[in-house]
């Protein structure tokens, strides 16, 4: 069984375990990529794959794992963008 440490926005218990801005940006990047993959899959699935509950659930879990893998690669730069935005907000809100 694959153990993932994805912290989703609806899981308050795990979300409260985020201790740093870096972790929050990483979680946000992973969720952003997951939502992106989910929306792309909606367009690809029109007529291609089964629309059963089990296949949708499997593909969503696959997308979650892909989002984590993509996020862990640090190749997108989304996390850095979020961190820069947070630093700019903190600097300008004082």
C-alpha atoms as a PDB file:
ATOM      1  CA  UNK A   1       0.000   0.000   0.000  1.00  0.00           C
ATOM      2  CA  UNK A   2       1.310   3.441  -0.928  1.00  0.00           C
ATOM      3  CA  UNK A   3       1.452   5.885   1.961  1.00  0.00           C
ATOM      4  CA  UNK A   4       0.979   9.500   0.977  1.00  0.00           C
ATOM      5  CA  UNK A   5       1.340  12.593   3.090  1.00  0.00           C
ATOM      6  CA  UNK A   6      -0.949  14.808   1.042  1.00  0.00           C
ATOM      7  CA  UNK A   7      -2.668  17.320   3.302  1.00  0.00           C
ATOM      8  CA  UNK A   8      -6.027  18.209   1.836  1.00  0.00           C
ATOM      9  CA  UNK A   9      -7.941  21.365   2.649  1.00  0.00           C
ATOM     10  CA  UNK A  10     -10.956  19.476   4.023  1.00  0.00           C
ATOM     11  CA  UNK A  11      -8.900  17.406   6.481  1.00  0.00           C
ATOM     12  CA  UNK A  12      -8.672  19.891   9.375  1.00  0.00           C
ATOM     13  CA  UNK A  13      -6.690  17.508  11.610  1.00  0.00           C
ATOM     14  CA  UNK A  14      -3.886  17.058   9.053  1.00  0.00           C
ATOM     15  CA  UNK A  15      -4.086  20.657   7.890  1.00  0.00           C
ATOM     16  CA  UNK A  16      -3.369  21.850  11.418  1.00  0.00           C
ATOM     17  CA  UNK A  17      -0.114  19.844  11.335  1.00  0.00           C
ATOM     18  CA  UNK A  18       1.341  22.254   8.759  1.00  0.00           C
ATOM     19  CA  UNK A  19       3.942  24.195  10.697  1.00  0.00           C
ATOM     20  CA  UNK A  20       5.609  26.447   8.155  1.00  0.00           C
ATOM     21  CA  UNK A  21       4.803  28.692   5.217  1.00  0.00           C
ATOM     22  CA  UNK A  22       6.914  26.392   3.048  1.00  0.00           C
ATOM     23  CA  UNK A  23       4.755  23.381   3.972  1.00  0.00           C
ATOM     24  CA  UNK A  24       1.587  25.388   3.325  1.00  0.00           C
ATOM     25  CA  UNK A  25       2.852  26.481  -0.100  1.00  0.00           C
ATOM     26  CA  UNK A  26       3.786  22.884  -0.934  1.00  0.00           C
ATOM     27  CA  UNK A  27       0.324  21.638   0.110  1.00  0.00           C
ATOM     28  CA  UNK A  28      -1.317  24.396  -1.916  1.00  0.00           C
ATOM     29  CA  UNK A  29       0.789  23.531  -4.974  1.00  0.00           C
ATOM     30  CA  UNK A  30      -0.135  19.853  -4.695  1.00  0.00           C
ATOM     31  CA  UNK A  31      -3.836  20.678  -4.375  1.00  0.00           C
ATOM     32  CA  UNK A  32      -3.627  23.131  -7.291  1.00  0.00           C
ATOM     33  CA  UNK A  33      -2.059  20.452  -9.524  1.00  0.00           C
ATOM     34  CA  UNK A  34      -4.659  17.913  -8.360  1.00  0.00           C
ATOM     35  CA  UNK A  35      -7.526  20.210  -9.302  1.00  0.00           C
ATOM     36  CA  UNK A  36      -5.860  20.944 -12.649  1.00  0.00           C
ATOM     37  CA  UNK A  37      -5.485  17.223 -13.423  1.00  0.00           C
ATOM     38  CA  UNK A  38      -9.068  16.590 -12.370  1.00  0.00           C
ATOM     39  CA  UNK A  39     -10.370  19.267 -14.751  1.00  0.00           C
ATOM     40  CA  UNK A  40      -8.238  17.968 -17.621  1.00  0.00           C
ATOM     41  CA  UNK A  41      -9.517  14.451 -16.978  1.00  0.00           C
ATOM     42  CA  UNK A  42     -13.126  15.677 -17.213  1.00  0.00           C
ATOM     43  CA  UNK A  43     -12.475  16.736 -20.796  1.00  0.00           C
ATOM     44  CA  UNK A  44     -10.520  13.609 -21.695  1.00  0.00           C
ATOM     45  CA  UNK A  45     -13.096  11.241 -20.223  1.00  0.00           C
ATOM     46  CA  UNK A  46     -15.994  12.342 -22.382  1.00  0.00           C
ATOM     47  CA  UNK A  47     -16.839   9.033 -24.011  1.00  0.00           C
ATOM     48  CA  UNK A  48     -13.419   7.450 -23.509  1.00  0.00           C
ATOM     49  CA  UNK A  49     -13.608   5.687 -20.166  1.00  0.00           C
ATOM     50  CA  UNK A  50     -16.210   4.147 -17.950  1.00  0.00           C
ATOM     51  CA  UNK A  51     -18.088   6.629 -15.823  1.00  0.00           C
ATOM     52  CA  UNK A  52     -18.708   4.190 -12.974  1.00  0.00           C
ATOM     53  CA  UNK A  53     -18.149   5.299  -9.406  1.00  0.00           C
ATOM     54  CA  UNK A  54     -15.248   2.895  -8.925  1.00  0.00           C
ATOM     55  CA  UNK A  55     -13.405   4.069 -12.036  1.00  0.00           C
ATOM     56  CA  UNK A  56     -13.922   7.721 -11.066  1.00  0.00           C
ATOM     57  CA  UNK A  57     -12.616   6.988  -7.571  1.00  0.00           C
ATOM     58  CA  UNK A  58      -9.583   5.123  -8.910  1.00  0.00           C
ATOM     59  CA  UNK A  59      -8.760   7.906 -11.382  1.00  0.00           C
ATOM     60  CA  UNK A  60      -9.113  10.529  -8.652  1.00  0.00           C
ATOM     61  CA  UNK A  61      -6.672   8.609  -6.443  1.00  0.00           C
ATOM     62  CA  UNK A  62      -4.340   8.317  -9.433  1.00  0.00           C
ATOM     63  CA  UNK A  63      -4.587  12.069 -10.003  1.00  0.00           C
ATOM     64  CA  UNK A  64      -3.849  12.720  -6.319  1.00  0.00           C
ATOM     65  CA  UNK A  65      -0.701  10.603  -6.506  1.00  0.00           C
ATOM     66  CA  UNK A  66       0.349  12.277  -9.771  1.00  0.00           C
ATOM     67  CA  UNK A  67      -0.192  15.707  -8.176  1.00  0.00           C
ATOM     68  CA  UNK A  68       2.002  14.713  -5.232  1.00  0.00           C
ATOM     69  CA  UNK A  69       4.724  13.387  -7.525  1.00  0.00           C
ATOM     70  CA  UNK A  70       4.622  16.502  -9.710  1.00  0.00           C
ATOM     71  CA  UNK A  71       4.624  18.750  -6.638  1.00  0.00           C
ATOM     72  CA  UNK A  72       7.532  16.866  -5.067  1.00  0.00           C
ATOM     73  CA  UNK A  73       9.612  17.355  -8.212  1.00  0.00           C
ATOM     74  CA  UNK A  74       9.782  21.137  -7.581  1.00  0.00           C
ATOM     75  CA  UNK A  75       9.893  21.673 -11.352  1.00  0.00           C
ATOM     76  CA  UNK A  76       6.742  23.785 -11.734  1.00  0.00           C
ATOM     77  CA  UNK A  77       7.749  26.737  -9.609  1.00  0.00           C
ATOM     78  CA  UNK A  78       4.237  27.211  -8.263  1.00  0.00           C
ATOM     79  CA  UNK A  79       5.390  26.788  -4.663  1.00  0.00           C
ATOM     80  CA  UNK A  80       8.024  29.499  -5.132  1.00  0.00           C
ATOM     81  CA  UNK A  81       5.382  31.777  -6.669  1.00  0.00           C
ATOM     82  CA  UNK A  82       3.140  31.293  -3.627  1.00  0.00           C
ATOM     83  CA  UNK A  83       6.034  31.867  -1.228  1.00  0.00           C
ATOM     84  CA  UNK A  84       6.957  35.102  -3.015  1.00  0.00           C
ATOM     85  CA  UNK A  85       3.313  36.236  -2.917  1.00  0.00           C
ATOM     86  CA  UNK A  86       3.122  35.503   0.826  1.00  0.00           C
ATOM     87  CA  UNK A  87       6.373  37.387   1.494  1.00  0.00           C
ATOM     88  CA  UNK A  88       5.126  40.367  -0.541  1.00  0.00           C
ATOM     89  CA  UNK A  89       1.803  40.324   1.339  1.00  0.00           C
ATOM     90  CA  UNK A  90       3.555  40.177   4.709  1.00  0.00           C
ATOM     91  CA  UNK A  91       5.894  43.024   3.723  1.00  0.00           C
ATOM     92  CA  UNK A  92       3.090  45.270   2.446  1.00  0.00           C
ATOM     93  CA  UNK A  93       0.579  44.525   5.221  1.00  0.00           C
ATOM     94  CA  UNK A  94       2.701  45.936   8.038  1.00  0.00           C
END
